C-alpha atoms as a PDB file:
ATOM      1  CA  UNK A   1      39.717 241.806  94.898  1.00  0.00           C
ATOM      2  CA  UNK A   2      40.421 243.704  98.151  1.00  0.00           C
ATOM      3  CA  UNK A   3      41.588 247.332  98.076  1.00  0.00           C
ATOM      4  CA  UNK A   4      42.924 249.459 100.918  1.00  0.00           C
ATOM      5  CA  UNK A   5      43.828 253.108 101.041  1.00  0.00           C
ATOM      6  CA  UNK A   6      47.200 254.517 102.035  1.00  0.00           C
ATOM      7  CA  UNK A   7      46.316 255.083 105.706  1.00  0.00           C
ATOM      8  CA  UNK A   8      45.003 251.550 106.074  1.00  0.00           C
ATOM      9  CA  UNK A   9      48.155 250.195 104.524  1.00  0.00           C
ATOM     10  CA  UNK A  10      50.368 252.186 106.918  1.00  0.00           C
ATOM     11  CA  UNK A  11      48.380 250.936 109.910  1.00  0.00           C
ATOM     12  CA  UNK A  12      48.818 247.372 108.694  1.00  0.00           C
ATOM     13  CA  UNK A  13      52.523 247.965 108.185  1.00  0.00           C
ATOM     14  CA  UNK A  14      52.862 249.222 111.775  1.00  0.00           C
ATOM     15  CA  UNK A  15      51.443 245.932 113.065  1.00  0.00           C
ATOM     16  CA  UNK A  16      53.601 243.781 110.813  1.00  0.00           C
ATOM     17  CA  UNK A  17      56.530 241.852 112.321  1.00  0.00           C
ATOM     18  CA  UNK A  18      59.944 243.379 111.692  1.00  0.00           C
ATOM     19  CA  UNK A  19      61.036 240.448 109.570  1.00  0.00           C
ATOM     20  CA  UNK A  20      58.276 241.161 107.107  1.00  0.00           C
ATOM     21  CA  UNK A  21      58.909 244.900 107.152  1.00  0.00           C
ATOM     22  CA  UNK A  22      62.453 244.168 106.058  1.00  0.00           C
ATOM     23  CA  UNK A  23      61.263 242.947 102.675  1.00  0.00           C
ATOM     24  CA  UNK A  24      63.454 243.980  99.790  1.00  0.00           C
ATOM     25  CA  UNK A  25      62.845 247.484  98.547  1.00  0.00           C
ATOM     26  CA  UNK A  26      61.892 246.275  95.096  1.00  0.00           C
ATOM     27  CA  UNK A  27      59.251 243.969  96.556  1.00  0.00           C
ATOM     28  CA  UNK A  28      57.773 246.877  98.482  1.00  0.00           C
ATOM     29  CA  UNK A  29      57.783 248.912  95.294  1.00  0.00           C
ATOM     30  CA  UNK A  30      55.826 246.196  93.501  1.00  0.00           C
ATOM     31  CA  UNK A  31      53.205 246.128  96.258  1.00  0.00           C
ATOM     32  CA  UNK A  32      52.910 249.896  96.330  1.00  0.00           C
ATOM     33  CA  UNK A  33      52.522 250.091  92.554  1.00  0.00           C
ATOM     34  CA  UNK A  34      49.796 247.455  92.547  1.00  0.00           C
ATOM     35  CA  UNK A  35      47.857 249.487  95.099  1.00  0.00           C
ATOM     36  CA  UNK A  36      48.303 252.767  93.275  1.00  0.00           C
ATOM     37  CA  UNK A  37      46.459 252.753  89.976  1.00  0.00           C
ATOM     38  CA  UNK A  38      46.652 256.005  88.031  1.00  0.00           C
ATOM     39  CA  UNK A  39      45.111 257.630  85.019  1.00  0.00           C
ATOM     40  CA  UNK A  40      45.884 255.435  82.029  1.00  0.00           C
ATOM     41  CA  UNK A  41      49.223 256.388  80.501  1.00  0.00           C
ATOM     42  CA  UNK A  42      49.587 256.933  76.754  1.00  0.00           C
ATOM     43  CA  UNK A  43      51.831 254.797  74.563  1.00  0.00           C
ATOM     44  CA  UNK A  44      54.612 256.199  72.389  1.00  0.00           C
ATOM     45  CA  UNK A  45      56.446 255.048  69.309  1.00  0.00           C
ATOM     46  CA  UNK A  46      59.534 257.195  68.798  1.00  0.00           C
ATOM     47  CA  UNK A  47      61.431 257.276  65.516  1.00  0.00           C
ATOM     48  CA  UNK A  48      64.906 257.524  67.007  1.00  0.00           C
ATOM     49  CA  UNK A  49      67.004 257.935  63.870  1.00  0.00           C
ATOM     50  CA  UNK A  50      70.725 258.624  64.187  1.00  0.00           C
ATOM     51  CA  UNK A  51      72.451 258.294  67.571  1.00  0.00           C
ATOM     52  CA  UNK A  52      73.536 261.899  67.019  1.00  0.00           C
ATOM     53  CA  UNK A  53      69.998 262.934  67.931  1.00  0.00           C
ATOM     54  CA  UNK A  54      71.136 262.340  71.505  1.00  0.00           C
ATOM     55  CA  UNK A  55      73.313 265.472  71.393  1.00  0.00           C
ATOM     56  CA  UNK A  56      72.069 267.427  68.375  1.00  0.00           C
ATOM     57  CA  UNK A  57      69.535 270.201  68.632  1.00  0.00           C
ATOM     58  CA  UNK A  58      66.968 269.759  65.867  1.00  0.00           C
ATOM     59  CA  UNK A  59      63.240 269.600  65.204  1.00  0.00           C
ATOM     60  CA  UNK A  60      63.062 265.920  66.095  1.00  0.00           C
ATOM     61  CA  UNK A  61      64.455 266.234  69.615  1.00  0.00           C
ATOM     62  CA  UNK A  62      62.222 269.278  70.032  1.00  0.00           C
ATOM     63  CA  UNK A  63      59.332 267.000  69.088  1.00  0.00           C
ATOM     64  CA  UNK A  64      60.353 264.495  71.769  1.00  0.00           C
ATOM     65  CA  UNK A  65      60.462 267.227  74.405  1.00  0.00           C
ATOM     66  CA  UNK A  66      57.123 268.630  73.282  1.00  0.00           C
ATOM     67  CA  UNK A  67      55.364 265.264  73.538  1.00  0.00           C
ATOM     68  CA  UNK A  68      56.687 264.797  77.082  1.00  0.00           C
ATOM     69  CA  UNK A  69      55.030 268.071  78.058  1.00  0.00           C
ATOM     70  CA  UNK A  70      51.672 266.707  76.867  1.00  0.00           C
ATOM     71  CA  UNK A  71      51.582 263.724  79.217  1.00  0.00           C
ATOM     72  CA  UNK A  72      51.771 263.224  82.946  1.00  0.00           C
ATOM     73  CA  UNK A  73      55.153 262.228  84.305  1.00  0.00           C
ATOM     74  CA  UNK A  74      55.279 258.432  84.543  1.00  0.00           C
ATOM     75  CA  UNK A  75      56.257 256.371  87.558  1.00  0.00           C
ATOM     76  CA  UNK A  76      58.542 254.348  85.314  1.00  0.00           C
ATOM     77  CA  UNK A  77      59.210 253.571  81.645  1.00  0.00           C
ATOM     78  CA  UNK A  78      59.227 250.249  79.827  1.00  0.00           C
ATOM     79  CA  UNK A  79      61.052 250.587  76.503  1.00  0.00           C
ATOM     80  CA  UNK A  80      61.086 248.162  73.578  1.00  0.00           C
ATOM     81  CA  UNK A  81      64.139 249.168  71.569  1.00  0.00           C
ATOM     82  CA  UNK A  82      65.182 248.066  68.102  1.00  0.00           C
ATOM     83  CA  UNK A  83      68.689 247.623  69.466  1.00  0.00           C
ATOM     84  CA  UNK A  84      68.071 244.787  71.900  1.00  0.00           C
ATOM     85  CA  UNK A  85      67.362 241.602  69.979  1.00  0.00           C
ATOM     86  CA  UNK A  86      67.605 238.276  71.765  1.00  0.00           C
ATOM     87  CA  UNK A  87      66.752 234.618  71.375  1.00  0.00           C
ATOM     88  CA  UNK A  88      63.853 234.533  73.790  1.00  0.00           C
ATOM     89  CA  UNK A  89      62.383 237.383  75.828  1.00  0.00           C
ATOM     90  CA  UNK A  90      64.280 239.265  78.517  1.00  0.00           C
ATOM     91  CA  UNK A  91      63.602 242.255  80.746  1.00  0.00           C
ATOM     92  CA  UNK A  92      66.303 244.314  82.438  1.00  0.00           C
ATOM     93  CA  UNK A  93      66.136 243.951  86.209  1.00  0.00           C
ATOM     94  CA  UNK A  94      69.169 245.785  87.594  1.00  0.00           C
ATOM     95  CA  UNK A  95      69.037 248.726  89.996  1.00  0.00           C
ATOM     96  CA  UNK A  96      71.377 250.911  87.946  1.00  0.00           C
ATOM     97  CA  UNK A  97      71.429 250.118  84.208  1.00  0.00           C
ATOM     98  CA  UNK A  98      74.546 251.178  82.352  1.00  0.00           C
ATOM     99  CA  UNK A  99      74.472 253.545  79.378  1.00  0.00           C
ATOM    100  CA  UNK A 100      75.390 251.435  76.337  1.00  0.00           C
ATOM    101  CA  UNK A 101      77.155 253.146  73.424  1.00  0.00           C
ATOM    102  CA  UNK A 102      76.226 250.515  70.863  1.00  0.00           C
ATOM    103  CA  UNK A 103      77.456 252.275  67.707  1.00  0.00           C
ATOM    104  CA  UNK A 104      80.684 253.228  65.989  1.00  0.00           C
ATOM    105  CA  UNK A 105      82.284 256.063  64.043  1.00  0.00           C
ATOM    106  CA  UNK A 106      80.666 258.986  65.844  1.00  0.00           C
ATOM    107  CA  UNK A 107      82.237 261.998  67.605  1.00  0.00           C
ATOM    108  CA  UNK A 108      83.772 261.351  71.019  1.00  0.00           C
ATOM    109  CA  UNK A 109      81.230 263.701  72.608  1.00  0.00           C
ATOM    110  CA  UNK A 110      78.528 261.138  71.914  1.00  0.00           C
ATOM    111  CA  UNK A 111      80.429 258.386  73.735  1.00  0.00           C
ATOM    112  CA  UNK A 112      80.787 260.612  76.768  1.00  0.00           C
ATOM    113  CA  UNK A 113      77.021 260.914  77.238  1.00  0.00           C
ATOM    114  CA  UNK A 114      75.673 259.097  80.270  1.00  0.00           C
ATOM    115  CA  UNK A 115      72.014 258.666  81.110  1.00  0.00           C
ATOM    116  CA  UNK A 116      71.982 257.482  84.739  1.00  0.00           C
ATOM    117  CA  UNK A 117      68.294 256.709  85.083  1.00  0.00           C
ATOM    118  CA  UNK A 118      67.642 254.076  87.748  1.00  0.00           C
ATOM    119  CA  UNK A 119      66.263 250.688  86.902  1.00  0.00           C
ATOM    120  CA  UNK A 120      63.172 249.152  88.455  1.00  0.00           C
ATOM    121  CA  UNK A 121      63.602 245.497  89.472  1.00  0.00           C
ATOM    122  CA  UNK A 122      60.066 245.407  90.862  1.00  0.00           C
ATOM    123  CA  UNK A 123      58.614 246.498  87.534  1.00  0.00           C
ATOM    124  CA  UNK A 124      60.804 243.925  85.771  1.00  0.00           C
ATOM    125  CA  UNK A 125      59.379 241.172  87.983  1.00  0.00           C
ATOM    126  CA  UNK A 126      55.859 242.454  87.484  1.00  0.00           C
ATOM    127  CA  UNK A 127      56.370 242.449  83.704  1.00  0.00           C
ATOM    128  CA  UNK A 128      57.720 238.926  83.899  1.00  0.00           C
ATOM    129  CA  UNK A 129      54.724 237.797  85.945  1.00  0.00           C
ATOM    130  CA  UNK A 130      52.003 239.173  83.665  1.00  0.00           C
ATOM    131  CA  UNK A 131      53.400 237.754  80.422  1.00  0.00           C
ATOM    132  CA  UNK A 132      52.163 234.239  79.762  1.00  0.00           C
ATOM    133  CA  UNK A 133      52.947 234.064  76.059  1.00  0.00           C
ATOM    134  CA  UNK A 134      56.697 233.857  76.677  1.00  0.00           C
ATOM    135  CA  UNK A 135      59.062 232.575  79.324  1.00  0.00           C
ATOM    136  CA  UNK A 136      60.493 235.953  80.311  1.00  0.00           C
ATOM    137  CA  UNK A 137      63.932 235.954  81.913  1.00  0.00           C
ATOM    138  CA  UNK A 138      65.328 238.708  84.135  1.00  0.00           C
ATOM    139  CA  UNK A 139      68.519 240.287  82.797  1.00  0.00           C
ATOM    140  CA  UNK A 140      71.270 241.920  84.856  1.00  0.00           C
ATOM    141  CA  UNK A 141      73.800 242.605  82.097  1.00  0.00           C
ATOM    142  CA  UNK A 142      72.250 244.698  79.312  1.00  0.00           C
ATOM    143  CA  UNK A 143      71.369 248.214  80.497  1.00  0.00           C
ATOM    144  CA  UNK A 144      70.038 251.035  78.293  1.00  0.00           C
ATOM    145  CA  UNK A 145      71.004 250.932  74.618  1.00  0.00           C
ATOM    146  CA  UNK A 146      70.914 254.025  72.429  1.00  0.00           C
ATOM    147  CA  UNK A 147      67.456 253.160  71.130  1.00  0.00           C
ATOM    148  CA  UNK A 148      66.298 253.871  74.667  1.00  0.00           C
ATOM    149  CA  UNK A 149      68.527 256.534  76.231  1.00  0.00           C
ATOM    150  CA  UNK A 150      69.081 258.700  73.130  1.00  0.00           C
ATOM    151  CA  UNK A 151      65.373 259.558  73.024  1.00  0.00           C
ATOM    152  CA  UNK A 152      64.321 259.190  76.669  1.00  0.00           C
ATOM    153  CA  UNK A 153      66.963 261.737  77.670  1.00  0.00           C
ATOM    154  CA  UNK A 154      64.995 264.376  75.762  1.00  0.00           C
ATOM    155  CA  UNK A 155      61.726 263.403  77.436  1.00  0.00           C
ATOM    156  CA  UNK A 156      63.166 263.323  80.951  1.00  0.00           C
ATOM    157  CA  UNK A 157      66.577 265.047  80.936  1.00  0.00           C
ATOM    158  CA  UNK A 158      67.031 264.738  84.695  1.00  0.00           C
ATOM    159  CA  UNK A 159      67.124 260.940  84.421  1.00  0.00           C
ATOM    160  CA  UNK A 160      64.701 260.806  87.347  1.00  0.00           C
ATOM    161  CA  UNK A 161      62.260 258.258  85.899  1.00  0.00           C
ATOM    162  CA  UNK A 162      63.190 254.563  86.270  1.00  0.00           C
ATOM    163  CA  UNK A 163      63.655 252.735  82.961  1.00  0.00           C
ATOM    164  CA  UNK A 164      63.584 249.055  82.068  1.00  0.00           C
ATOM    165  CA  UNK A 165      63.865 247.437  78.649  1.00  0.00           C
ATOM    166  CA  UNK A 166      61.965 244.511  77.176  1.00  0.00           C
ATOM    167  CA  UNK A 167      63.901 242.666  74.490  1.00  0.00           C
ATOM    168  CA  UNK A 168      62.712 241.708  71.014  1.00  0.00           C
ATOM    169  CA  UNK A 169      62.759 237.962  70.403  1.00  0.00           C
ATOM    170  CA  UNK A 170      64.339 237.741  66.958  1.00  0.00           C
ATOM    171  CA  UNK A 171      62.989 234.232  66.437  1.00  0.00           C
ATOM    172  CA  UNK A 172      59.334 235.329  66.428  1.00  0.00           C
ATOM    173  CA  UNK A 173      57.128 237.007  63.808  1.00  0.00           C
ATOM    174  CA  UNK A 174      55.268 240.308  64.054  1.00  0.00           C
ATOM    175  CA  UNK A 175      51.977 238.732  65.109  1.00  0.00           C
ATOM    176  CA  UNK A 176      53.688 237.122  68.092  1.00  0.00           C
ATOM    177  CA  UNK A 177      54.999 240.517  69.227  1.00  0.00           C
ATOM    178  CA  UNK A 178      51.629 242.164  68.625  1.00  0.00           C
ATOM    179  CA  UNK A 179      49.917 239.631  70.884  1.00  0.00           C
ATOM    180  CA  UNK A 180      52.656 239.755  73.502  1.00  0.00           C
ATOM    181  CA  UNK A 181      52.218 243.534  73.725  1.00  0.00           C
ATOM    182  CA  UNK A 182      48.599 243.059  74.763  1.00  0.00           C
ATOM    183  CA  UNK A 183      49.760 241.155  77.839  1.00  0.00           C
ATOM    184  CA  UNK A 184      51.586 244.179  79.259  1.00  0.00           C
ATOM    185  CA  UNK A 185      48.736 246.636  78.614  1.00  0.00           C
ATOM    186  CA  UNK A 186      47.722 246.628  82.294  1.00  0.00           C
ATOM    187  CA  UNK A 187      50.948 248.451  83.154  1.00  0.00           C
ATOM    188  CA  UNK A 188      49.508 251.549  81.528  1.00  0.00           C
ATOM    189  CA  UNK A 189      46.992 251.770  84.391  1.00  0.00           C
ATOM    190  CA  UNK A 190      49.806 251.806  86.943  1.00  0.00           C
ATOM    191  CA  UNK A 191      51.677 254.879  85.782  1.00  0.00           C
ATOM    192  CA  UNK A 192      54.016 253.072  83.385  1.00  0.00           C
ATOM    193  CA  UNK A 193      54.866 254.751  80.087  1.00  0.00           C
ATOM    194  CA  UNK A 194      55.528 252.138  77.408  1.00  0.00           C
ATOM    195  CA  UNK A 195      57.755 253.306  74.553  1.00  0.00           C
ATOM    196  CA  UNK A 196      58.591 251.571  71.303  1.00  0.00           C
ATOM    197  CA  UNK A 197      61.793 252.981  69.785  1.00  0.00           C
ATOM    198  CA  UNK A 198      62.755 252.267  66.184  1.00  0.00           C
ATOM    199  CA  UNK A 199      61.910 253.641  62.740  1.00  0.00           C
ATOM    200  CA  UNK A 200      58.955 252.782  60.518  1.00  0.00           C
ATOM    201  CA  UNK A 201      61.012 253.081  57.340  1.00  0.00           C
ATOM    202  CA  UNK A 202      64.604 252.038  57.994  1.00  0.00           C
ATOM    203  CA  UNK A 203      66.985 250.945  55.238  1.00  0.00           C
ATOM    204  CA  UNK A 204      70.551 251.967  56.091  1.00  0.00           C
ATOM    205  CA  UNK A 205      71.857 250.214  53.003  1.00  0.00           C
ATOM    206  CA  UNK A 206      70.098 252.724  50.739  1.00  0.00           C
ATOM    207  CA  UNK A 207      70.744 255.942  52.691  1.00  0.00           C
ATOM    208  CA  UNK A 208      71.425 258.935  50.446  1.00  0.00           C
ATOM    209  CA  UNK A 209      74.348 260.315  52.439  1.00  0.00           C
ATOM    210  CA  UNK A 210      74.620 263.316  50.116  1.00  0.00           C
ATOM    211  CA  UNK A 211      71.034 264.299  50.993  1.00  0.00           C
ATOM    212  CA  UNK A 212      71.329 264.111  54.775  1.00  0.00           C
ATOM    213  CA  UNK A 213      70.622 267.820  55.206  1.00  0.00           C
ATOM    214  CA  UNK A 214      67.729 267.982  52.759  1.00  0.00           C
ATOM    215  CA  UNK A 215      64.434 268.597  54.510  1.00  0.00           C
ATOM    216  CA  UNK A 216      61.974 265.674  54.336  1.00  0.00           C
ATOM    217  CA  UNK A 217      63.750 263.915  51.466  1.00  0.00           C
ATOM    218  CA  UNK A 218      62.473 260.403  50.671  1.00  0.00           C
ATOM    219  CA  UNK A 219      62.798 257.998  47.770  1.00  0.00           C
ATOM    220  CA  UNK A 220      59.525 257.164  46.036  1.00  0.00           C
ATOM    221  CA  UNK A 221      59.329 253.718  47.631  1.00  0.00           C
ATOM    222  CA  UNK A 222      59.937 255.236  51.082  1.00  0.00           C
ATOM    223  CA  UNK A 223      57.150 257.780  50.496  1.00  0.00           C
ATOM    224  CA  UNK A 224      54.794 255.017  49.396  1.00  0.00           C
ATOM    225  CA  UNK A 225      55.566 252.735  52.329  1.00  0.00           C
ATOM    226  CA  UNK A 226      55.548 255.559  54.862  1.00  0.00           C
ATOM    227  CA  UNK A 227      52.198 256.871  53.670  1.00  0.00           C
ATOM    228  CA  UNK A 228      50.592 253.428  53.678  1.00  0.00           C
ATOM    229  CA  UNK A 229      51.876 252.787  57.178  1.00  0.00           C
ATOM    230  CA  UNK A 230      50.366 256.041  58.411  1.00  0.00           C
ATOM    231  CA  UNK A 231      47.073 255.341  56.656  1.00  0.00           C
ATOM    232  CA  UNK A 232      46.844 251.886  58.241  1.00  0.00           C
ATOM    233  CA  UNK A 233      47.708 253.302  61.671  1.00  0.00           C
ATOM    234  CA  UNK A 234      45.138 256.088  61.475  1.00  0.00           C
ATOM    235  CA  UNK A 235      42.500 253.666  60.161  1.00  0.00           C
ATOM    236  CA  UNK A 236      43.226 251.177  62.942  1.00  0.00           C
ATOM    237  CA  UNK A 237      44.093 248.527  60.352  1.00  0.00           C
ATOM    238  CA  UNK A 238      46.710 246.795  62.446  1.00  0.00           C
ATOM    239  CA  UNK A 239      46.632 243.489  60.611  1.00  0.00           C
ATOM    240  CA  UNK A 240      47.920 245.050  57.401  1.00  0.00           C
ATOM    241  CA  UNK A 241      50.891 246.280  59.422  1.00  0.00           C
ATOM    242  CA  UNK A 242      51.363 243.004  61.271  1.00  0.00           C
ATOM    243  CA  UNK A 243      51.359 241.174  57.926  1.00  0.00           C
ATOM    244  CA  UNK A 244      53.655 243.730  56.313  1.00  0.00           C
ATOM    245  CA  UNK A 245      55.357 241.097  54.134  1.00  0.00           C
ATOM    246  CA  UNK A 246      52.198 241.050  51.981  1.00  0.00           C
ATOM    247  CA  UNK A 247      52.333 244.765  51.146  1.00  0.00           C
ATOM    248  CA  UNK A 248      54.666 244.668  48.171  1.00  0.00           C
ATOM    249  CA  UNK A 249      58.029 246.028  47.079  1.00  0.00           C
ATOM    250  CA  UNK A 250      57.872 249.379  48.871  1.00  0.00           C
ATOM    251  CA  UNK A 251      57.421 247.641  52.230  1.00  0.00           C
ATOM    252  CA  UNK A 252      60.142 245.159  51.346  1.00  0.00           C
ATOM    253  CA  UNK A 253      62.573 248.036  50.841  1.00  0.00           C
ATOM    254  CA  UNK A 254      61.307 249.926  53.879  1.00  0.00           C
ATOM    255  CA  UNK A 255      61.698 246.914  56.198  1.00  0.00           C
ATOM    256  CA  UNK A 256      64.714 244.913  54.975  1.00  0.00           C
ATOM    257  CA  UNK A 257      65.067 243.580  58.528  1.00  0.00           C
ATOM    258  CA  UNK A 258      62.302 243.787  61.139  1.00  0.00           C
ATOM    259  CA  UNK A 259      64.050 245.014  64.295  1.00  0.00           C
ATOM    260  CA  UNK A 260      63.351 248.747  63.777  1.00  0.00           C
ATOM    261  CA  UNK A 261      59.765 248.044  62.712  1.00  0.00           C
ATOM    262  CA  UNK A 262      58.714 245.697  65.524  1.00  0.00           C
ATOM    263  CA  UNK A 263      58.694 248.401  68.244  1.00  0.00           C
ATOM    264  CA  UNK A 264      55.859 249.989  66.228  1.00  0.00           C
ATOM    265  CA  UNK A 265      53.981 246.683  66.356  1.00  0.00           C
ATOM    266  CA  UNK A 266      54.318 246.653  70.153  1.00  0.00           C
ATOM    267  CA  UNK A 267      52.921 250.170  70.308  1.00  0.00           C
ATOM    268  CA  UNK A 268      49.927 249.259  68.147  1.00  0.00           C
ATOM    269  CA  UNK A 269      49.282 246.117  70.160  1.00  0.00           C
ATOM    270  CA  UNK A 270      48.810 248.357  73.193  1.00  0.00           C
ATOM    271  CA  UNK A 271      46.186 250.571  71.586  1.00  0.00           C
ATOM    272  CA  UNK A 272      42.894 250.382  73.430  1.00  0.00           C
ATOM    273  CA  UNK A 273      39.370 250.768  72.115  1.00  0.00           C
ATOM    274  CA  UNK A 274      38.443 254.319  71.108  1.00  0.00           C
ATOM    275  CA  UNK A 275      41.960 255.625  71.680  1.00  0.00           C
ATOM    276  CA  UNK A 276      43.257 258.184  69.222  1.00  0.00           C
ATOM    277  CA  UNK A 277      46.584 258.425  67.418  1.00  0.00           C
ATOM    278  CA  UNK A 278      48.662 261.580  67.081  1.00  0.00           C
ATOM    279  CA  UNK A 279      51.500 261.710  64.558  1.00  0.00           C
ATOM    280  CA  UNK A 280      54.545 263.881  65.184  1.00  0.00           C
ATOM    281  CA  UNK A 281      58.097 264.235  63.819  1.00  0.00           C
ATOM    282  CA  UNK A 282      56.522 263.075  60.570  1.00  0.00           C
ATOM    283  CA  UNK A 283      59.419 263.560  58.181  1.00  0.00           C
ATOM    284  CA  UNK A 284      61.850 261.514  56.123  1.00  0.00           C
ATOM    285  CA  UNK A 285      65.632 261.661  56.387  1.00  0.00           C
ATOM    286  CA  UNK A 286      68.229 260.853  53.733  1.00  0.00           C
ATOM    287  CA  UNK A 287      65.843 259.096  51.384  1.00  0.00           C
ATOM    288  CA  UNK A 288      65.416 255.791  53.193  1.00  0.00           C
ATOM    289  CA  UNK A 289      64.522 256.638  56.802  1.00  0.00           C
ATOM    290  CA  UNK A 290      61.472 258.151  58.447  1.00  0.00           C
ATOM    291  CA  UNK A 291      61.341 259.793  61.863  1.00  0.00           C
ATOM    292  CA  UNK A 292      57.553 259.465  62.080  1.00  0.00           C
ATOM    293  CA  UNK A 293      56.485 259.007  65.692  1.00  0.00           C
ATOM    294  CA  UNK A 294      53.113 258.395  67.291  1.00  0.00           C
ATOM    295  CA  UNK A 295      51.313 258.962  70.561  1.00  0.00           C
ATOM    296  CA  UNK A 296      48.329 256.785  71.422  1.00  0.00           C
ATOM    297  CA  UNK A 297      46.064 258.206  74.092  1.00  0.00           C
ATOM    298  CA  UNK A 298      42.447 258.443  75.163  1.00  0.00           C
ATOM    299  CA  UNK A 299      40.163 260.331  72.798  1.00  0.00           C
END
């Protein structure tokens, strides 16, 4: 592999015919990113909880802001959100993704929130090119759903970091997603922050609405499942989490459908050897949800 420094690249560019210099901006961005490896970025799993966390001031959004202060600012973000399920695998590739308000019954103030982070078509194409496990298609219609923008806005409130989303193929099992995550691990060396956004324990059908304001309130099954999940994560026992259907009734109640759980599987699939896990926002909400979030980084 041949490497050149910035000055050498600029000299080469000066000698390049005008037709080649007029390459699309996103193609130039891809070339520049390939040449500019950085310190390996961490990986985050963010328990996003209610969409109201986008505008509320609470300990969880404070936790999101605090974790952003612990890491270097990324060149771009790739987010795997619980709220973009597809048949097949897609990656957003538009220049200016729209802010999607994919929820109902909330105050009008929430629907007025915009998060105008730019997209990154070059990163989308790069992601497409490095994944061999799936036929990844570029998407120009989706945008940023609330699983992405409602948490990223607390990390980078100026919306000055490009964001793309990678969809969750609803037709595939957890092991498929775990292995697919490994194929995008190289992006971490190029300044890309990869975020999984969901909730480890997520059963909206059993929410105790009358206990919404109770601090760290969880049903017994939610406590059991949440604790086992954390134990497996801290022990590096990923296969128990990938094969979560074998873990009994508590896991069955904690994961009635997989979409909020699979972003965690992506995050774990990106964990490198000897990397450490930090838990934060480690509390339950309304009996059947947990906000537990993790940061994976070098030891």
